[in-house]
C-alpha atoms as a PDB file:
ATOM      1  CA  UNK A   1      34.290  31.555 108.643  1.00  0.00           C
ATOM      2  CA  UNK A   2      37.550  32.849 110.081  1.00  0.00           C
ATOM      3  CA  UNK A   3      37.508  36.124 112.000  1.00  0.00           C
ATOM      4  CA  UNK A   4      41.297  36.397 111.816  1.00  0.00           C
ATOM      5  CA  UNK A   5      43.712  34.677 109.431  1.00  0.00           C
ATOM      6  CA  UNK A   6      47.474  35.060 109.771  1.00  0.00           C
ATOM      7  CA  UNK A   7      49.501  33.641 106.892  1.00  0.00           C
ATOM      8  CA  UNK A   8      53.274  33.091 106.631  1.00  0.00           C
ATOM      9  CA  UNK A   9      53.962  35.865 109.130  1.00  0.00           C
ATOM     10  CA  UNK A  10      57.557  36.845 109.829  1.00  0.00           C
ATOM     11  CA  UNK A  11      58.526  39.531 112.317  1.00  0.00           C
ATOM     12  CA  UNK A  12      61.200  40.537 114.779  1.00  0.00           C
ATOM     13  CA  UNK A  13      63.220  43.336 116.311  1.00  0.00           C
ATOM     14  CA  UNK A  14      65.766  45.073 114.109  1.00  0.00           C
ATOM     15  CA  UNK A  15      67.978  42.409 112.587  1.00  0.00           C
ATOM     16  CA  UNK A  16      66.783  39.756 115.026  1.00  0.00           C
ATOM     17  CA  UNK A  17      63.945  37.694 113.498  1.00  0.00           C
ATOM     18  CA  UNK A  18      61.572  36.087 116.005  1.00  0.00           C
ATOM     19  CA  UNK A  19      58.620  34.669 114.038  1.00  0.00           C
ATOM     20  CA  UNK A  20      59.195  32.352 111.094  1.00  0.00           C
ATOM     21  CA  UNK A  21      56.519  31.426 108.518  1.00  0.00           C
ATOM     22  CA  UNK A  22      53.815  31.663 111.184  1.00  0.00           C
ATOM     23  CA  UNK A  23      50.246  30.867 110.156  1.00  0.00           C
ATOM     24  CA  UNK A  24      47.067  30.516 112.207  1.00  0.00           C
ATOM     25  CA  UNK A  25      43.323  30.674 111.518  1.00  0.00           C
ATOM     26  CA  UNK A  26      40.894  31.894 114.169  1.00  0.00           C
ATOM     27  CA  UNK A  27      37.363  30.683 113.429  1.00  0.00           C
ATOM     28  CA  UNK A  28      34.603  33.025 114.544  1.00  0.00           C
ATOM     29  CA  UNK A  29      33.448  32.536 118.119  1.00  0.00           C
ATOM     30  CA  UNK A  30      36.381  30.444 119.306  1.00  0.00           C
ATOM     31  CA  UNK A  31      39.275  30.698 121.740  1.00  0.00           C
ATOM     32  CA  UNK A  32      42.684  29.659 120.440  1.00  0.00           C
ATOM     33  CA  UNK A  33      45.432  29.240 123.043  1.00  0.00           C
ATOM     34  CA  UNK A  34      49.064  29.956 122.182  1.00  0.00           C
ATOM     35  CA  UNK A  35      51.399  27.934 124.384  1.00  0.00           C
ATOM     36  CA  UNK A  36      55.149  27.561 124.750  1.00  0.00           C
ATOM     37  CA  UNK A  37      58.154  28.335 126.884  1.00  0.00           C
ATOM     38  CA  UNK A  38      59.334  31.844 127.733  1.00  0.00           C
ATOM     39  CA  UNK A  39      61.055  33.380 124.720  1.00  0.00           C
ATOM     40  CA  UNK A  40      59.195  31.207 122.213  1.00  0.00           C
ATOM     41  CA  UNK A  41      57.740  34.251 120.432  1.00  0.00           C
ATOM     42  CA  UNK A  42      54.197  34.216 121.806  1.00  0.00           C
ATOM     43  CA  UNK A  43      53.990  37.887 122.807  1.00  0.00           C
ATOM     44  CA  UNK A  44      55.794  38.908 119.627  1.00  0.00           C
ATOM     45  CA  UNK A  45      53.076  37.108 117.662  1.00  0.00           C
ATOM     46  CA  UNK A  46      50.336  39.263 119.215  1.00  0.00           C
ATOM     47  CA  UNK A  47      52.373  42.440 118.755  1.00  0.00           C
ATOM     48  CA  UNK A  48      53.076  41.597 115.122  1.00  0.00           C
ATOM     49  CA  UNK A  49      49.405  40.940 114.390  1.00  0.00           C
ATOM     50  CA  UNK A  50      48.401  44.258 115.980  1.00  0.00           C
ATOM     51  CA  UNK A  51      51.202  46.182 114.258  1.00  0.00           C
ATOM     52  CA  UNK A  52      53.284  46.950 117.345  1.00  0.00           C
ATOM     53  CA  UNK A  53      56.211  44.935 115.952  1.00  0.00           C
ATOM     54  CA  UNK A  54      57.191  45.370 112.282  1.00  0.00           C
ATOM     55  CA  UNK A  55      56.193  42.499 110.010  1.00  0.00           C
ATOM     56  CA  UNK A  56      58.734  41.578 107.359  1.00  0.00           C
ATOM     57  CA  UNK A  57      56.554  39.075 105.485  1.00  0.00           C
ATOM     58  CA  UNK A  58      53.121  37.531 105.531  1.00  0.00           C
ATOM     59  CA  UNK A  59      49.587  38.831 105.839  1.00  0.00           C
ATOM     60  CA  UNK A  60      46.901  39.551 108.439  1.00  0.00           C
ATOM     61  CA  UNK A  61      43.272  39.303 107.320  1.00  0.00           C
ATOM     62  CA  UNK A  62      40.563  40.509 109.702  1.00  0.00           C
ATOM     63  CA  UNK A  63      36.950  39.606 108.942  1.00  0.00           C
ATOM     64  CA  UNK A  64      37.772  39.220 105.245  1.00  0.00           C
ATOM     65  CA  UNK A  65      39.828  42.429 104.933  1.00  0.00           C
ATOM     66  CA  UNK A  66      43.592  42.398 104.468  1.00  0.00           C
ATOM     67  CA  UNK A  67      44.814  44.798 107.151  1.00  0.00           C
ATOM     68  CA  UNK A  68      48.514  44.017 106.807  1.00  0.00           C
ATOM     69  CA  UNK A  69      49.431  47.476 105.536  1.00  0.00           C
ATOM     70  CA  UNK A  70      47.243  49.485 107.913  1.00  0.00           C
ATOM     71  CA  UNK A  71      48.766  51.528 110.752  1.00  0.00           C
ATOM     72  CA  UNK A  72      48.068  50.297 114.265  1.00  0.00           C
ATOM     73  CA  UNK A  73      45.577  53.083 115.045  1.00  0.00           C
ATOM     74  CA  UNK A  74      43.270  51.880 112.259  1.00  0.00           C
ATOM     75  CA  UNK A  75      42.967  48.328 113.538  1.00  0.00           C
ATOM     76  CA  UNK A  76      40.757  48.876 116.593  1.00  0.00           C
ATOM     77  CA  UNK A  77      38.018  50.624 114.559  1.00  0.00           C
ATOM     78  CA  UNK A  78      38.007  47.557 112.309  1.00  0.00           C
ATOM     79  CA  UNK A  79      37.514  45.213 115.238  1.00  0.00           C
ATOM     80  CA  UNK A  80      40.944  44.147 116.504  1.00  0.00           C
ATOM     81  CA  UNK A  81      41.733  44.711 120.194  1.00  0.00           C
ATOM     82  CA  UNK A  82      45.003  43.850 121.959  1.00  0.00           C
ATOM     83  CA  UNK A  83      45.431  43.570 125.722  1.00  0.00           C
ATOM     84  CA  UNK A  84      49.196  43.428 126.344  1.00  0.00           C
ATOM     85  CA  UNK A  85      50.918  41.644 129.183  1.00  0.00           C
ATOM     86  CA  UNK A  86      50.246  43.610 132.360  1.00  0.00           C
ATOM     87  CA  UNK A  87      47.152  45.278 130.906  1.00  0.00           C
ATOM     88  CA  UNK A  88      48.603  48.780 130.731  1.00  0.00           C
ATOM     89  CA  UNK A  89      45.771  50.800 132.258  1.00  0.00           C
ATOM     90  CA  UNK A  90      46.446  54.454 133.100  1.00  0.00           C
ATOM     91  CA  UNK A  91      47.098  54.683 136.826  1.00  0.00           C
ATOM     92  CA  UNK A  92      45.954  58.311 137.173  1.00  0.00           C
ATOM     93  CA  UNK A  93      42.498  57.693 135.657  1.00  0.00           C
ATOM     94  CA  UNK A  94      39.470  56.104 137.285  1.00  0.00           C
ATOM     95  CA  UNK A  95      38.147  52.725 136.230  1.00  0.00           C
ATOM     96  CA  UNK A  96      35.340  54.377 134.270  1.00  0.00           C
ATOM     97  CA  UNK A  97      37.743  56.763 132.541  1.00  0.00           C
ATOM     98  CA  UNK A  98      40.031  53.877 131.593  1.00  0.00           C
ATOM     99  CA  UNK A  99      37.081  51.968 130.157  1.00  0.00           C
ATOM    100  CA  UNK A 100      35.993  54.953 128.066  1.00  0.00           C
ATOM    101  CA  UNK A 101      39.386  54.930 126.350  1.00  0.00           C
ATOM    102  CA  UNK A 102      38.250  51.783 124.556  1.00  0.00           C
ATOM    103  CA  UNK A 103      35.798  53.934 122.617  1.00  0.00           C
ATOM    104  CA  UNK A 104      38.090  56.914 122.038  1.00  0.00           C
ATOM    105  CA  UNK A 105      38.395  56.074 118.338  1.00  0.00           C
ATOM    106  CA  UNK A 106      34.676  56.570 117.759  1.00  0.00           C
ATOM    107  CA  UNK A 107      33.588  59.746 116.000  1.00  0.00           C
ATOM    108  CA  UNK A 108      30.221  61.328 115.319  1.00  0.00           C
ATOM    109  CA  UNK A 109      27.101  62.388 117.153  1.00  0.00           C
ATOM    110  CA  UNK A 110      26.281  58.970 118.571  1.00  0.00           C
ATOM    111  CA  UNK A 111      29.847  58.087 119.590  1.00  0.00           C
ATOM    112  CA  UNK A 112      29.534  59.092 123.238  1.00  0.00           C
ATOM    113  CA  UNK A 113      26.216  57.272 123.642  1.00  0.00           C
ATOM    114  CA  UNK A 114      27.644  54.108 122.081  1.00  0.00           C
ATOM    115  CA  UNK A 115      30.719  54.216 124.300  1.00  0.00           C
ATOM    116  CA  UNK A 116      28.708  54.839 127.470  1.00  0.00           C
ATOM    117  CA  UNK A 117      26.468  51.886 126.629  1.00  0.00           C
ATOM    118  CA  UNK A 118      29.520  49.689 126.082  1.00  0.00           C
ATOM    119  CA  UNK A 119      31.016  50.847 129.413  1.00  0.00           C
ATOM    120  CA  UNK A 120      27.766  49.949 131.174  1.00  0.00           C
ATOM    121  CA  UNK A 121      27.826  46.504 129.576  1.00  0.00           C
ATOM    122  CA  UNK A 122      31.373  45.920 130.813  1.00  0.00           C
ATOM    123  CA  UNK A 123      30.482  47.001 134.356  1.00  0.00           C
ATOM    124  CA  UNK A 124      27.559  44.571 134.269  1.00  0.00           C
ATOM    125  CA  UNK A 125      29.971  41.840 133.162  1.00  0.00           C
ATOM    126  CA  UNK A 126      32.432  42.603 135.991  1.00  0.00           C
ATOM    127  CA  UNK A 127      30.358  43.423 139.112  1.00  0.00           C
ATOM    128  CA  UNK A 128      33.477  43.694 141.255  1.00  0.00           C
ATOM    129  CA  UNK A 129      34.842  46.320 138.897  1.00  0.00           C
ATOM    130  CA  UNK A 130      31.537  48.190 138.965  1.00  0.00           C
ATOM    131  CA  UNK A 131      31.924  48.650 142.709  1.00  0.00           C
ATOM    132  CA  UNK A 132      35.317  50.268 142.044  1.00  0.00           C
ATOM    133  CA  UNK A 133      34.269  52.414 139.098  1.00  0.00           C
ATOM    134  CA  UNK A 134      35.497  55.634 140.724  1.00  0.00           C
ATOM    135  CA  UNK A 135      38.769  54.166 142.013  1.00  0.00           C
ATOM    136  CA  UNK A 136      41.998  55.298 140.373  1.00  0.00           C
ATOM    137  CA  UNK A 137      44.120  52.817 138.474  1.00  0.00           C
ATOM    138  CA  UNK A 138      46.867  52.803 141.100  1.00  0.00           C
ATOM    139  CA  UNK A 139      44.315  51.908 143.794  1.00  0.00           C
ATOM    140  CA  UNK A 140      43.262  48.672 142.095  1.00  0.00           C
ATOM    141  CA  UNK A 141      44.417  45.164 142.882  1.00  0.00           C
ATOM    142  CA  UNK A 142      46.206  43.161 140.212  1.00  0.00           C
ATOM    143  CA  UNK A 143      43.022  41.302 139.336  1.00  0.00           C
ATOM    144  CA  UNK A 144      41.019  44.502 139.116  1.00  0.00           C
ATOM    145  CA  UNK A 145      43.643  46.074 136.841  1.00  0.00           C
ATOM    146  CA  UNK A 146      43.520  43.071 134.538  1.00  0.00           C
ATOM    147  CA  UNK A 147      39.724  43.175 134.422  1.00  0.00           C
ATOM    148  CA  UNK A 148      39.844  46.910 133.674  1.00  0.00           C
ATOM    149  CA  UNK A 149      42.291  46.300 130.812  1.00  0.00           C
ATOM    150  CA  UNK A 150      40.099  43.549 129.400  1.00  0.00           C
ATOM    151  CA  UNK A 151      37.037  45.737 129.872  1.00  0.00           C
ATOM    152  CA  UNK A 152      38.662  48.640 128.046  1.00  0.00           C
ATOM    153  CA  UNK A 153      39.272  46.350 125.071  1.00  0.00           C
ATOM    154  CA  UNK A 154      35.676  45.105 125.179  1.00  0.00           C
ATOM    155  CA  UNK A 155      34.337  48.675 125.087  1.00  0.00           C
ATOM    156  CA  UNK A 156      35.688  48.833 121.537  1.00  0.00           C
ATOM    157  CA  UNK A 157      33.370  45.870 120.767  1.00  0.00           C
ATOM    158  CA  UNK A 158      36.057  43.860 118.997  1.00  0.00           C
ATOM    159  CA  UNK A 159      35.590  41.049 116.533  1.00  0.00           C
ATOM    160  CA  UNK A 160      38.954  39.566 117.543  1.00  0.00           C
ATOM    161  CA  UNK A 161      40.704  39.944 120.893  1.00  0.00           C
ATOM    162  CA  UNK A 162      44.435  39.365 121.404  1.00  0.00           C
ATOM    163  CA  UNK A 163      45.039  38.643 125.081  1.00  0.00           C
ATOM    164  CA  UNK A 164      48.572  38.332 126.474  1.00  0.00           C
ATOM    165  CA  UNK A 165      49.200  36.506 129.783  1.00  0.00           C
ATOM    166  CA  UNK A 166      46.084  37.670 131.649  1.00  0.00           C
ATOM    167  CA  UNK A 167      46.884  35.451 134.658  1.00  0.00           C
ATOM    168  CA  UNK A 168      50.369  36.841 135.268  1.00  0.00           C
ATOM    169  CA  UNK A 169      50.825  37.595 138.978  1.00  0.00           C
ATOM    170  CA  UNK A 170      47.221  36.866 139.906  1.00  0.00           C
ATOM    171  CA  UNK A 171      45.815  34.548 142.560  1.00  0.00           C
ATOM    172  CA  UNK A 172      44.428  31.240 141.224  1.00  0.00           C
ATOM    173  CA  UNK A 173      40.870  32.173 142.218  1.00  0.00           C
ATOM    174  CA  UNK A 174      41.097  35.435 140.260  1.00  0.00           C
ATOM    175  CA  UNK A 175      42.550  33.606 137.252  1.00  0.00           C
ATOM    176  CA  UNK A 176      39.683  31.106 137.311  1.00  0.00           C
ATOM    177  CA  UNK A 177      37.132  33.936 137.413  1.00  0.00           C
ATOM    178  CA  UNK A 178      38.801  35.858 134.593  1.00  0.00           C
ATOM    179  CA  UNK A 179      39.090  32.886 132.260  1.00  0.00           C
ATOM    180  CA  UNK A 180      35.541  31.755 133.017  1.00  0.00           C
ATOM    181  CA  UNK A 181      34.279  35.194 132.014  1.00  0.00           C
ATOM    182  CA  UNK A 182      36.326  34.998 128.828  1.00  0.00           C
ATOM    183  CA  UNK A 183      34.701  31.681 127.934  1.00  0.00           C
ATOM    184  CA  UNK A 184      31.284  33.160 128.716  1.00  0.00           C
ATOM    185  CA  UNK A 185      31.969  36.079 126.374  1.00  0.00           C
ATOM    186  CA  UNK A 186      32.820  33.652 123.594  1.00  0.00           C
ATOM    187  CA  UNK A 187      29.616  31.712 124.181  1.00  0.00           C
ATOM    188  CA  UNK A 188      27.333  34.728 124.606  1.00  0.00           C
ATOM    189  CA  UNK A 189      28.706  37.170 122.027  1.00  0.00           C
ATOM    190  CA  UNK A 190      30.697  35.092 119.549  1.00  0.00           C
ATOM    191  CA  UNK A 191      33.929  36.871 120.449  1.00  0.00           C
ATOM    192  CA  UNK A 192      37.030  35.399 118.821  1.00  0.00           C
ATOM    193  CA  UNK A 193      40.091  35.224 121.086  1.00  0.00           C
ATOM    194  CA  UNK A 194      43.790  34.515 120.582  1.00  0.00           C
ATOM    195  CA  UNK A 195      45.031  33.803 124.091  1.00  0.00           C
ATOM    196  CA  UNK A 196      48.668  33.689 125.205  1.00  0.00           C
ATOM    197  CA  UNK A 197      48.676  32.138 128.649  1.00  0.00           C
ATOM    198  CA  UNK A 198      51.355  30.735 130.978  1.00  0.00           C
ATOM    199  CA  UNK A 199      48.813  28.669 132.905  1.00  0.00           C
ATOM    200  CA  UNK A 200      48.623  25.802 130.426  1.00  0.00           C
ATOM    201  CA  UNK A 201      45.972  23.760 132.183  1.00  0.00           C
ATOM    202  CA  UNK A 202      43.602  26.697 132.606  1.00  0.00           C
ATOM    203  CA  UNK A 203      44.093  27.862 129.023  1.00  0.00           C
ATOM    204  CA  UNK A 204      43.420  24.421 127.544  1.00  0.00           C
ATOM    205  CA  UNK A 205      40.350  24.036 129.757  1.00  0.00           C
ATOM    206  CA  UNK A 206      38.563  26.962 128.064  1.00  0.00           C
ATOM    207  CA  UNK A 207      40.183  26.914 124.600  1.00  0.00           C
ATOM    208  CA  UNK A 208      38.652  25.301 121.539  1.00  0.00           C
ATOM    209  CA  UNK A 209      42.015  24.809 119.857  1.00  0.00           C
ATOM    210  CA  UNK A 210      45.651  25.423 120.669  1.00  0.00           C
ATOM    211  CA  UNK A 211      49.026  25.755 119.070  1.00  0.00           C
ATOM    212  CA  UNK A 212      52.421  25.193 120.610  1.00  0.00           C
ATOM    213  CA  UNK A 213      55.252  27.583 119.696  1.00  0.00           C
ATOM    214  CA  UNK A 214      58.997  27.018 119.934  1.00  0.00           C
ATOM    215  CA  UNK A 215      61.666  29.384 118.599  1.00  0.00           C
ATOM    216  CA  UNK A 216      59.090  31.405 116.688  1.00  0.00           C
ATOM    217  CA  UNK A 217      57.553  28.463 114.860  1.00  0.00           C
ATOM    218  CA  UNK A 218      54.429  26.388 115.304  1.00  0.00           C
ATOM    219  CA  UNK A 219      55.533  22.910 116.373  1.00  0.00           C
ATOM    220  CA  UNK A 220      52.094  21.462 117.177  1.00  0.00           C
ATOM    221  CA  UNK A 221      48.472  22.415 116.755  1.00  0.00           C
ATOM    222  CA  UNK A 222      45.092  20.821 117.244  1.00  0.00           C
ATOM    223  CA  UNK A 223      42.014  20.658 119.411  1.00  0.00           C
ATOM    224  CA  UNK A 224      42.709  21.784 122.966  1.00  0.00           C
ATOM    225  CA  UNK A 225      41.516  18.448 124.318  1.00  0.00           C
ATOM    226  CA  UNK A 226      43.983  16.575 122.097  1.00  0.00           C
ATOM    227  CA  UNK A 227      46.986  18.663 123.111  1.00  0.00           C
ATOM    228  CA  UNK A 228      46.019  18.433 126.768  1.00  0.00           C
ATOM    229  CA  UNK A 229      46.253  14.671 126.513  1.00  0.00           C
ATOM    230  CA  UNK A 230      49.463  14.514 124.448  1.00  0.00           C
ATOM    231  CA  UNK A 231      52.114  13.553 126.974  1.00  0.00           C
ATOM    232  CA  UNK A 232      55.055  13.956 124.570  1.00  0.00           C
ATOM    233  CA  UNK A 233      54.103  17.553 123.717  1.00  0.00           C
ATOM    234  CA  UNK A 234      53.472  18.397 127.362  1.00  0.00           C
ATOM    235  CA  UNK A 235      56.904  17.195 128.429  1.00  0.00           C
ATOM    236  CA  UNK A 236      58.817  18.567 125.431  1.00  0.00           C
ATOM    237  CA  UNK A 237      57.313  22.043 125.146  1.00  0.00           C
ATOM    238  CA  UNK A 238      54.946  22.854 127.997  1.00  0.00           C
ATOM    239  CA  UNK A 239      56.938  21.817 131.054  1.00  0.00           C
ATOM    240  CA  UNK A 240      54.355  19.741 132.891  1.00  0.00           C
END
């Protein structure tokens, strides 16, 4: 069963189209890596799926429901979370306060209890972040900010997670830790992830499948292990 299905998606900025007839299926409990050069349309893909960039054609189906026409604020309650490039945590709030924002859409008598439980789960997942729970956003290192952004998304308890360049600007050891935790989440909770990542080797090491994007189109797709070993694709589109 697919958690997320994107079919014939087209999107762009004003009169400048970026994505062309873009389709991808995300089976439940898998990580799919999106690879390609800068400007290929990878970040636009995530923004178009989550409604931050207008879609001009195509459909987005989440857990069997067509959500193409829904406003962006209705997608997180249905199980779609998006961590943009840079994370975007609020610098004036503490780690705990930033995490609680992931449950801000919840309503009702049990909402606070559910959110607090989810925050506790995230702090258990990221022990280093737990030690900094009272630190303000601007006091965090780059790795801590990225973990806080990922944690905020996880507090919403998503079915599908869109993750954009989580390794950007981070030390290799921090990247390895972050991606290992992402793979563990997939294995332990069945989380479905669409991962845009500049570190091709690291992304393919944890991904189940991958697709290569050029000029807003899918030019190759397959099992991550197959693409990792395809020398022609590596040289033509991935730069290594």
